[in-house]
């Protein structure tokens, strides 16, 4: 049975999200109750406001001091430092599991839980970072910075739907973080949607004459759907690694589509 959380401690859930999804010492300032960590996905896009803004600021202002290529690398490193490469670790494990596990559900889960990185995982990270760098380098620094701020929370909002669409593939005891995310109710779902849509809605309003907003909004959602079908077919449930991998791939889709959608 899912444990309920005292509604008066909404701030516990926000603190838990920032502590869980970043390596910044928020835990020194406040310690939320243990149950709050079951709800961290509900404020994942809010964390994206922080990580996206930090990455965008380093990229944009870094060009005042360094060549554009260096500013992009520093921006990527900034987010890796803030998150502790949490999502990138998920991407590597996800590709290792789905690449080397075949159709055997338990083997896929075992490979994903293994702390060692395999060939598929290494190649996935190399290709991911090459593609991310190339996409950002293809834009102006201002366009790239704005899109990062938009893409981060929007991709997290979309990816959060995985926990509504399927059950957790492991048990709480065998989970890497020993935490199983709870399915969010209507109130939490509305909050999650607002967190993810506010930046992209503001971006579309500002860039309306230059952006094909339907492509920017719906193509990433289609990418999420196909990733969901793959995960459901192989695992019949999600894991934390699945969430991290899907987030990065959906965010990459947003940035890639923007090369066509933004005129």
C-alpha atoms as a PDB file:
ATOM      1  CA  UNK A   1       0.000   0.000   0.000  1.00  0.00           C
ATOM      2  CA  UNK A   2       1.333   3.465  -0.880  1.00  0.00           C
ATOM      3  CA  UNK A   3       2.077   5.652   2.081  1.00  0.00           C
ATOM      4  CA  UNK A   4       0.372   9.015   2.216  1.00  0.00           C
ATOM      5  CA  UNK A   5       2.271  12.184   2.902  1.00  0.00           C
ATOM      6  CA  UNK A   6       1.063  14.966   5.111  1.00  0.00           C
ATOM      7  CA  UNK A   7      -0.245  17.662   2.724  1.00  0.00           C
ATOM      8  CA  UNK A   8       1.074  20.351   5.082  1.00  0.00           C
ATOM      9  CA  UNK A   9       4.584  19.205   4.270  1.00  0.00           C
ATOM     10  CA  UNK A  10       4.513  19.971   0.568  1.00  0.00           C
ATOM     11  CA  UNK A  11       7.925  21.541   1.041  1.00  0.00           C
ATOM     12  CA  UNK A  12       9.289  18.132   2.058  1.00  0.00           C
ATOM     13  CA  UNK A  13       8.510  16.855  -1.432  1.00  0.00           C
ATOM     14  CA  UNK A  14      10.294  19.771  -3.098  1.00  0.00           C
ATOM     15  CA  UNK A  15      13.360  19.442  -0.881  1.00  0.00           C
ATOM     16  CA  UNK A  16      13.439  15.690  -1.517  1.00  0.00           C
ATOM     17  CA  UNK A  17      13.395  16.242  -5.297  1.00  0.00           C
ATOM     18  CA  UNK A  18      16.342  18.647  -5.196  1.00  0.00           C
ATOM     19  CA  UNK A  19      18.294  16.373  -2.850  1.00  0.00           C
ATOM     20  CA  UNK A  20      17.553  13.246  -4.905  1.00  0.00           C
ATOM     21  CA  UNK A  21      18.205  14.631  -8.393  1.00  0.00           C
ATOM     22  CA  UNK A  22      21.242  16.823  -7.660  1.00  0.00           C
ATOM     23  CA  UNK A  23      24.537  16.530  -5.816  1.00  0.00           C
ATOM     24  CA  UNK A  24      24.269  20.013  -4.357  1.00  0.00           C
ATOM     25  CA  UNK A  25      24.313  19.985  -0.529  1.00  0.00           C
ATOM     26  CA  UNK A  26      20.626  20.793  -0.050  1.00  0.00           C
ATOM     27  CA  UNK A  27      20.539  18.041   2.577  1.00  0.00           C
ATOM     28  CA  UNK A  28      22.666  20.264   4.817  1.00  0.00           C
ATOM     29  CA  UNK A  29      19.886  22.845   4.857  1.00  0.00           C
ATOM     30  CA  UNK A  30      16.918  20.554   5.406  1.00  0.00           C
ATOM     31  CA  UNK A  31      16.145  16.858   5.847  1.00  0.00           C
ATOM     32  CA  UNK A  32      12.715  15.869   4.469  1.00  0.00           C
ATOM     33  CA  UNK A  33      10.913  12.813   5.793  1.00  0.00           C
ATOM     34  CA  UNK A  34      11.704   9.478   4.155  1.00  0.00           C
ATOM     35  CA  UNK A  35       8.301   9.109   2.505  1.00  0.00           C
ATOM     36  CA  UNK A  36       8.845  12.353   0.580  1.00  0.00           C
ATOM     37  CA  UNK A  37      11.365  10.579  -1.639  1.00  0.00           C
ATOM     38  CA  UNK A  38       8.520   8.525  -3.129  1.00  0.00           C
ATOM     39  CA  UNK A  39       7.235  11.748  -4.719  1.00  0.00           C
ATOM     40  CA  UNK A  40      10.448  13.199  -6.173  1.00  0.00           C
ATOM     41  CA  UNK A  41       9.262  12.722  -9.769  1.00  0.00           C
ATOM     42  CA  UNK A  42       6.387  15.124  -9.071  1.00  0.00           C
ATOM     43  CA  UNK A  43       8.925  17.977  -8.830  1.00  0.00           C
ATOM     44  CA  UNK A  44      11.479  16.670 -11.309  1.00  0.00           C
ATOM     45  CA  UNK A  45      10.731  19.451 -13.857  1.00  0.00           C
ATOM     46  CA  UNK A  46      11.251  22.014 -11.089  1.00  0.00           C
ATOM     47  CA  UNK A  47      14.752  20.619 -10.620  1.00  0.00           C
ATOM     48  CA  UNK A  48      15.073  21.024 -14.391  1.00  0.00           C
ATOM     49  CA  UNK A  49      14.578  24.760 -13.945  1.00  0.00           C
ATOM     50  CA  UNK A  50      17.772  24.751 -11.879  1.00  0.00           C
ATOM     51  CA  UNK A  51      19.881  22.402 -14.010  1.00  0.00           C
ATOM     52  CA  UNK A  52      18.672  23.900 -17.282  1.00  0.00           C
ATOM     53  CA  UNK A  53      19.257  27.480 -16.132  1.00  0.00           C
ATOM     54  CA  UNK A  54      22.727  26.678 -14.795  1.00  0.00           C
ATOM     55  CA  UNK A  55      23.744  24.934 -18.021  1.00  0.00           C
ATOM     56  CA  UNK A  56      22.287  27.713 -20.179  1.00  0.00           C
ATOM     57  CA  UNK A  57      23.991  30.459 -18.155  1.00  0.00           C
ATOM     58  CA  UNK A  58      27.411  28.817 -18.425  1.00  0.00           C
ATOM     59  CA  UNK A  59      26.937  28.288 -22.168  1.00  0.00           C
ATOM     60  CA  UNK A  60      25.758  31.827 -22.924  1.00  0.00           C
ATOM     61  CA  UNK A  61      28.022  33.839 -20.627  1.00  0.00           C
ATOM     62  CA  UNK A  62      30.918  31.469 -21.265  1.00  0.00           C
ATOM     63  CA  UNK A  63      31.060  32.722 -24.863  1.00  0.00           C
ATOM     64  CA  UNK A  64      32.095  36.148 -23.509  1.00  0.00           C
ATOM     65  CA  UNK A  65      35.325  34.575 -22.282  1.00  0.00           C
ATOM     66  CA  UNK A  66      35.910  31.353 -24.237  1.00  0.00           C
ATOM     67  CA  UNK A  67      35.396  30.079 -27.783  1.00  0.00           C
ATOM     68  CA  UNK A  68      31.903  28.717 -28.350  1.00  0.00           C
ATOM     69  CA  UNK A  69      33.089  25.092 -28.389  1.00  0.00           C
ATOM     70  CA  UNK A  70      34.667  25.475 -24.957  1.00  0.00           C
ATOM     71  CA  UNK A  71      31.553  27.188 -23.573  1.00  0.00           C
ATOM     72  CA  UNK A  72      29.414  24.242 -24.720  1.00  0.00           C
ATOM     73  CA  UNK A  73      31.732  21.728 -23.056  1.00  0.00           C
ATOM     74  CA  UNK A  74      31.759  23.765 -19.831  1.00  0.00           C
ATOM     75  CA  UNK A  75      27.956  23.899 -19.893  1.00  0.00           C
ATOM     76  CA  UNK A  76      27.715  20.122 -20.277  1.00  0.00           C
ATOM     77  CA  UNK A  77      30.250  19.600 -17.484  1.00  0.00           C
ATOM     78  CA  UNK A  78      28.275  21.981 -15.250  1.00  0.00           C
ATOM     79  CA  UNK A  79      25.150  19.855 -15.485  1.00  0.00           C
ATOM     80  CA  UNK A  80      27.128  16.663 -14.949  1.00  0.00           C
ATOM     81  CA  UNK A  81      28.586  18.123 -11.757  1.00  0.00           C
ATOM     82  CA  UNK A  82      25.180  19.290 -10.498  1.00  0.00           C
ATOM     83  CA  UNK A  83      23.451  15.961 -11.138  1.00  0.00           C
ATOM     84  CA  UNK A  84      26.408  13.674 -10.495  1.00  0.00           C
ATOM     85  CA  UNK A  85      25.837  12.207 -13.984  1.00  0.00           C
ATOM     86  CA  UNK A  86      22.738  10.509 -12.553  1.00  0.00           C
ATOM     87  CA  UNK A  87      20.839  10.434 -15.838  1.00  0.00           C
ATOM     88  CA  UNK A  88      23.885   9.598 -17.948  1.00  0.00           C
ATOM     89  CA  UNK A  89      24.506   6.592 -15.713  1.00  0.00           C
ATOM     90  CA  UNK A  90      20.908   5.582 -16.372  1.00  0.00           C
ATOM     91  CA  UNK A  91      21.393   5.930 -20.129  1.00  0.00           C
ATOM     92  CA  UNK A  92      24.500   3.730 -20.109  1.00  0.00           C
ATOM     93  CA  UNK A  93      22.792   1.056 -17.971  1.00  0.00           C
ATOM     94  CA  UNK A  94      19.650   1.219 -20.089  1.00  0.00           C
ATOM     95  CA  UNK A  95      21.504   0.703 -23.379  1.00  0.00           C
ATOM     96  CA  UNK A  96      23.687  -2.010 -21.837  1.00  0.00           C
ATOM     97  CA  UNK A  97      20.620  -3.856 -20.595  1.00  0.00           C
ATOM     98  CA  UNK A  98      18.505  -3.544 -23.703  1.00  0.00           C
ATOM     99  CA  UNK A  99      21.479  -4.088 -26.001  1.00  0.00           C
ATOM    100  CA  UNK A 100      22.951  -7.114 -24.241  1.00  0.00           C
ATOM    101  CA  UNK A 101      19.936  -8.654 -22.541  1.00  0.00           C
ATOM    102  CA  UNK A 102      18.029  -9.672 -25.627  1.00  0.00           C
ATOM    103  CA  UNK A 103      14.400 -10.462 -24.819  1.00  0.00           C
ATOM    104  CA  UNK A 104      15.142 -11.989 -21.405  1.00  0.00           C
ATOM    105  CA  UNK A 105      13.478  -9.645 -18.889  1.00  0.00           C
ATOM    106  CA  UNK A 106      15.477 -10.787 -15.856  1.00  0.00           C
ATOM    107  CA  UNK A 107      18.778 -10.643 -17.749  1.00  0.00           C
ATOM    108  CA  UNK A 108      18.031  -7.075 -18.839  1.00  0.00           C
ATOM    109  CA  UNK A 109      17.307  -6.087 -15.230  1.00  0.00           C
ATOM    110  CA  UNK A 110      20.463  -7.817 -13.987  1.00  0.00           C
ATOM    111  CA  UNK A 111      22.656  -6.075 -16.567  1.00  0.00           C
ATOM    112  CA  UNK A 112      21.103  -2.702 -15.781  1.00  0.00           C
ATOM    113  CA  UNK A 113      21.799  -3.192 -12.084  1.00  0.00           C
ATOM    114  CA  UNK A 114      25.422  -4.251 -12.655  1.00  0.00           C
ATOM    115  CA  UNK A 115      27.785  -1.444 -11.624  1.00  0.00           C
ATOM    116  CA  UNK A 116      30.143  -2.211 -14.516  1.00  0.00           C
ATOM    117  CA  UNK A 117      29.622  -0.431 -17.825  1.00  0.00           C
ATOM    118  CA  UNK A 118      29.634  -2.468 -21.021  1.00  0.00           C
ATOM    119  CA  UNK A 119      30.446  -1.768 -24.651  1.00  0.00           C
ATOM    120  CA  UNK A 120      26.905  -0.691 -25.479  1.00  0.00           C
ATOM    121  CA  UNK A 121      26.884   1.735 -22.564  1.00  0.00           C
ATOM    122  CA  UNK A 122      30.233   3.300 -23.511  1.00  0.00           C
ATOM    123  CA  UNK A 123      29.171   3.731 -27.132  1.00  0.00           C
ATOM    124  CA  UNK A 124      25.818   5.211 -26.108  1.00  0.00           C
ATOM    125  CA  UNK A 125      27.494   7.901 -23.989  1.00  0.00           C
ATOM    126  CA  UNK A 126      30.002   8.758 -26.710  1.00  0.00           C
ATOM    127  CA  UNK A 127      27.281   9.075 -29.348  1.00  0.00           C
ATOM    128  CA  UNK A 128      24.969  10.966 -26.975  1.00  0.00           C
ATOM    129  CA  UNK A 129      27.566  13.604 -26.094  1.00  0.00           C
ATOM    130  CA  UNK A 130      28.733  13.938 -29.707  1.00  0.00           C
ATOM    131  CA  UNK A 131      25.163  14.507 -30.841  1.00  0.00           C
ATOM    132  CA  UNK A 132      24.401  16.912 -27.979  1.00  0.00           C
ATOM    133  CA  UNK A 133      27.538  18.935 -28.695  1.00  0.00           C
ATOM    134  CA  UNK A 134      26.856  19.002 -32.444  1.00  0.00           C
ATOM    135  CA  UNK A 135      23.267  20.174 -32.000  1.00  0.00           C
ATOM    136  CA  UNK A 136      24.223  22.985 -29.624  1.00  0.00           C
ATOM    137  CA  UNK A 137      27.140  24.000 -31.837  1.00  0.00           C
ATOM    138  CA  UNK A 138      24.734  24.285 -34.787  1.00  0.00           C
ATOM    139  CA  UNK A 139      22.801  27.046 -32.983  1.00  0.00           C
ATOM    140  CA  UNK A 140      23.692  30.519 -31.835  1.00  0.00           C
ATOM    141  CA  UNK A 141      24.603  30.775 -28.156  1.00  0.00           C
ATOM    142  CA  UNK A 142      21.372  32.658 -27.362  1.00  0.00           C
ATOM    143  CA  UNK A 143      19.142  30.132 -29.165  1.00  0.00           C
ATOM    144  CA  UNK A 144      20.966  27.202 -27.561  1.00  0.00           C
ATOM    145  CA  UNK A 145      20.710  28.701 -24.064  1.00  0.00           C
ATOM    146  CA  UNK A 146      16.978  29.376 -24.406  1.00  0.00           C
ATOM    147  CA  UNK A 147      16.277  25.881 -25.721  1.00  0.00           C
ATOM    148  CA  UNK A 148      18.213  24.250 -22.894  1.00  0.00           C
ATOM    149  CA  UNK A 149      16.063  26.106 -20.350  1.00  0.00           C
ATOM    150  CA  UNK A 150      12.959  24.889 -22.187  1.00  0.00           C
ATOM    151  CA  UNK A 151      14.021  21.338 -23.042  1.00  0.00           C
ATOM    152  CA  UNK A 152      15.208  20.261 -19.585  1.00  0.00           C
ATOM    153  CA  UNK A 153      11.938  20.651 -17.622  1.00  0.00           C
ATOM    154  CA  UNK A 154       9.705  19.722 -20.574  1.00  0.00           C
ATOM    155  CA  UNK A 155      11.577  16.450 -21.153  1.00  0.00           C
ATOM    156  CA  UNK A 156      11.365  15.655 -17.434  1.00  0.00           C
ATOM    157  CA  UNK A 157       7.638  16.346 -17.392  1.00  0.00           C
ATOM    158  CA  UNK A 158       7.090  13.987 -20.329  1.00  0.00           C
ATOM    159  CA  UNK A 159       9.339  11.280 -18.888  1.00  0.00           C
ATOM    160  CA  UNK A 160       7.512  11.437 -15.551  1.00  0.00           C
ATOM    161  CA  UNK A 161       4.497   9.953 -17.337  1.00  0.00           C
ATOM    162  CA  UNK A 162       6.282   6.588 -17.374  1.00  0.00           C
ATOM    163  CA  UNK A 163       5.435   6.003 -13.728  1.00  0.00           C
ATOM    164  CA  UNK A 164       1.757   6.560 -14.538  1.00  0.00           C
ATOM    165  CA  UNK A 165       1.820   4.347 -17.614  1.00  0.00           C
ATOM    166  CA  UNK A 166       3.378   1.214 -16.114  1.00  0.00           C
ATOM    167  CA  UNK A 167       4.365  -0.373 -12.784  1.00  0.00           C
ATOM    168  CA  UNK A 168       7.839  -0.431 -11.280  1.00  0.00           C
ATOM    169  CA  UNK A 169       9.809  -3.366 -12.716  1.00  0.00           C
ATOM    170  CA  UNK A 170      11.619  -4.244  -9.477  1.00  0.00           C
ATOM    171  CA  UNK A 171      10.717  -4.364  -5.818  1.00  0.00           C
ATOM    172  CA  UNK A 172      11.621  -1.610  -3.371  1.00  0.00           C
ATOM    173  CA  UNK A 173      14.239  -3.877  -1.786  1.00  0.00           C
ATOM    174  CA  UNK A 174      16.019  -4.509  -5.094  1.00  0.00           C
ATOM    175  CA  UNK A 175      15.789  -0.924  -6.374  1.00  0.00           C
ATOM    176  CA  UNK A 176      19.130   0.892  -6.677  1.00  0.00           C
ATOM    177  CA  UNK A 177      17.880   3.822  -4.602  1.00  0.00           C
ATOM    178  CA  UNK A 178      15.624   1.613  -2.432  1.00  0.00           C
ATOM    179  CA  UNK A 179      12.796   3.941  -3.377  1.00  0.00           C
ATOM    180  CA  UNK A 180       9.732   3.265  -5.510  1.00  0.00           C
ATOM    181  CA  UNK A 181       8.076   6.377  -6.922  1.00  0.00           C
ATOM    182  CA  UNK A 182       4.388   6.671  -6.139  1.00  0.00           C
ATOM    183  CA  UNK A 183       1.856   7.367  -8.866  1.00  0.00           C
ATOM    184  CA  UNK A 184       0.792  10.985  -8.620  1.00  0.00           C
ATOM    185  CA  UNK A 185      -2.767  12.153  -8.074  1.00  0.00           C
ATOM    186  CA  UNK A 186      -4.612  14.830 -10.053  1.00  0.00           C
ATOM    187  CA  UNK A 187      -3.254  17.702  -7.957  1.00  0.00           C
ATOM    188  CA  UNK A 188       0.330  16.498  -8.321  1.00  0.00           C
ATOM    189  CA  UNK A 189      -0.230  15.859 -12.034  1.00  0.00           C
ATOM    190  CA  UNK A 190      -1.427  19.426 -12.568  1.00  0.00           C
ATOM    191  CA  UNK A 191       1.571  20.757 -10.662  1.00  0.00           C
ATOM    192  CA  UNK A 192       3.925  18.577 -12.709  1.00  0.00           C
ATOM    193  CA  UNK A 193       2.342  19.768 -15.962  1.00  0.00           C
ATOM    194  CA  UNK A 194       2.651  23.424 -14.996  1.00  0.00           C
ATOM    195  CA  UNK A 195       6.317  22.952 -14.073  1.00  0.00           C
ATOM    196  CA  UNK A 196       7.083  21.392 -17.440  1.00  0.00           C
ATOM    197  CA  UNK A 197       4.920  23.570 -19.678  1.00  0.00           C
ATOM    198  CA  UNK A 198       5.606  27.029 -18.273  1.00  0.00           C
ATOM    199  CA  UNK A 199       9.097  27.400 -19.795  1.00  0.00           C
ATOM    200  CA  UNK A 200       8.114  26.028 -23.206  1.00  0.00           C
ATOM    201  CA  UNK A 201       4.904  28.088 -23.276  1.00  0.00           C
ATOM    202  CA  UNK A 202       6.886  31.247 -22.515  1.00  0.00           C
ATOM    203  CA  UNK A 203       9.425  30.285 -25.188  1.00  0.00           C
ATOM    204  CA  UNK A 204       6.712  29.719 -27.812  1.00  0.00           C
ATOM    205  CA  UNK A 205       5.092  33.052 -26.912  1.00  0.00           C
ATOM    206  CA  UNK A 206       8.390  34.925 -27.278  1.00  0.00           C
ATOM    207  CA  UNK A 207       9.470  33.032 -30.419  1.00  0.00           C
ATOM    208  CA  UNK A 208       6.033  32.579 -31.997  1.00  0.00           C
ATOM    209  CA  UNK A 209       7.014  34.077 -35.353  1.00  0.00           C
ATOM    210  CA  UNK A 210      10.127  31.879 -35.564  1.00  0.00           C
ATOM    211  CA  UNK A 211       9.063  28.529 -34.183  1.00  0.00           C
ATOM    212  CA  UNK A 212       6.895  25.658 -35.409  1.00  0.00           C
ATOM    213  CA  UNK A 213       5.464  24.986 -31.962  1.00  0.00           C
ATOM    214  CA  UNK A 214       3.461  21.903 -32.950  1.00  0.00           C
ATOM    215  CA  UNK A 215       6.640  20.119 -33.997  1.00  0.00           C
ATOM    216  CA  UNK A 216       8.512  21.265 -30.907  1.00  0.00           C
ATOM    217  CA  UNK A 217       5.755  20.100 -28.556  1.00  0.00           C
ATOM    218  CA  UNK A 218       4.420  16.907 -30.150  1.00  0.00           C
ATOM    219  CA  UNK A 219       7.454  15.189 -31.712  1.00  0.00           C
ATOM    220  CA  UNK A 220       9.151  14.672 -28.286  1.00  0.00           C
ATOM    221  CA  UNK A 221       5.860  13.237 -26.972  1.00  0.00           C
ATOM    222  CA  UNK A 222       5.843  10.773 -29.884  1.00  0.00           C
ATOM    223  CA  UNK A 223       9.456   9.830 -29.071  1.00  0.00           C
ATOM    224  CA  UNK A 224       8.387   9.187 -25.466  1.00  0.00           C
ATOM    225  CA  UNK A 225       5.567   6.941 -26.656  1.00  0.00           C
ATOM    226  CA  UNK A 226       7.847   4.732 -28.758  1.00  0.00           C
ATOM    227  CA  UNK A 227      10.346   4.455 -25.895  1.00  0.00           C
ATOM    228  CA  UNK A 228       7.459   3.481 -23.622  1.00  0.00           C
ATOM    229  CA  UNK A 229       6.445   0.735 -26.067  1.00  0.00           C
ATOM    230  CA  UNK A 230      10.011  -0.616 -26.096  1.00  0.00           C
ATOM    231  CA  UNK A 231      10.265  -0.640 -22.297  1.00  0.00           C
ATOM    232  CA  UNK A 232       6.833  -2.197 -21.889  1.00  0.00           C
ATOM    233  CA  UNK A 233       7.582  -4.926 -24.417  1.00  0.00           C
ATOM    234  CA  UNK A 234      10.869  -5.905 -22.780  1.00  0.00           C
ATOM    235  CA  UNK A 235      10.297  -5.224 -19.057  1.00  0.00           C
ATOM    236  CA  UNK A 236       6.573  -4.729 -18.475  1.00  0.00           C
ATOM    237  CA  UNK A 237       7.606  -1.930 -16.122  1.00  0.00           C
ATOM    238  CA  UNK A 238      10.044   0.935 -15.623  1.00  0.00           C
ATOM    239  CA  UNK A 239      13.182   1.387 -13.528  1.00  0.00           C
ATOM    240  CA  UNK A 240      15.094   4.476 -12.446  1.00  0.00           C
ATOM    241  CA  UNK A 241      17.593   3.796 -15.237  1.00  0.00           C
ATOM    242  CA  UNK A 242      14.733   3.791 -17.735  1.00  0.00           C
ATOM    243  CA  UNK A 243      13.574   7.183 -16.475  1.00  0.00           C
ATOM    244  CA  UNK A 244      17.063   8.686 -16.704  1.00  0.00           C
ATOM    245  CA  UNK A 245      17.663   7.306 -20.189  1.00  0.00           C
ATOM    246  CA  UNK A 246      14.270   8.334 -21.538  1.00  0.00           C
ATOM    247  CA  UNK A 247      14.697  11.847 -20.143  1.00  0.00           C
ATOM    248  CA  UNK A 248      18.023  12.323 -21.962  1.00  0.00           C
ATOM    249  CA  UNK A 249      16.684  10.858 -25.211  1.00  0.00           C
ATOM    250  CA  UNK A 250      13.514  12.962 -25.118  1.00  0.00           C
ATOM    251  CA  UNK A 251      15.529  16.091 -24.320  1.00  0.00           C
ATOM    252  CA  UNK A 252      17.856  15.261 -27.211  1.00  0.00           C
ATOM    253  CA  UNK A 253      14.789  14.901 -29.448  1.00  0.00           C
ATOM    254  CA  UNK A 254      13.600  18.377 -28.424  1.00  0.00           C
ATOM    255  CA  UNK A 255      16.978  19.901 -29.250  1.00  0.00           C
ATOM    256  CA  UNK A 256      17.252  17.967 -32.514  1.00  0.00           C
ATOM    257  CA  UNK A 257      13.747  18.898 -33.637  1.00  0.00           C
ATOM    258  CA  UNK A 258      14.454  22.538 -32.781  1.00  0.00           C
ATOM    259  CA  UNK A 259      16.964  22.643 -35.642  1.00  0.00           C
ATOM    260  CA  UNK A 260      13.962  22.267 -37.952  1.00  0.00           C
ATOM    261  CA  UNK A 261      11.237  23.858 -35.838  1.00  0.00           C
ATOM    262  CA  UNK A 262      13.066  27.130 -35.113  1.00  0.00           C
ATOM    263  CA  UNK A 263      13.416  29.252 -38.219  1.00  0.00           C
END
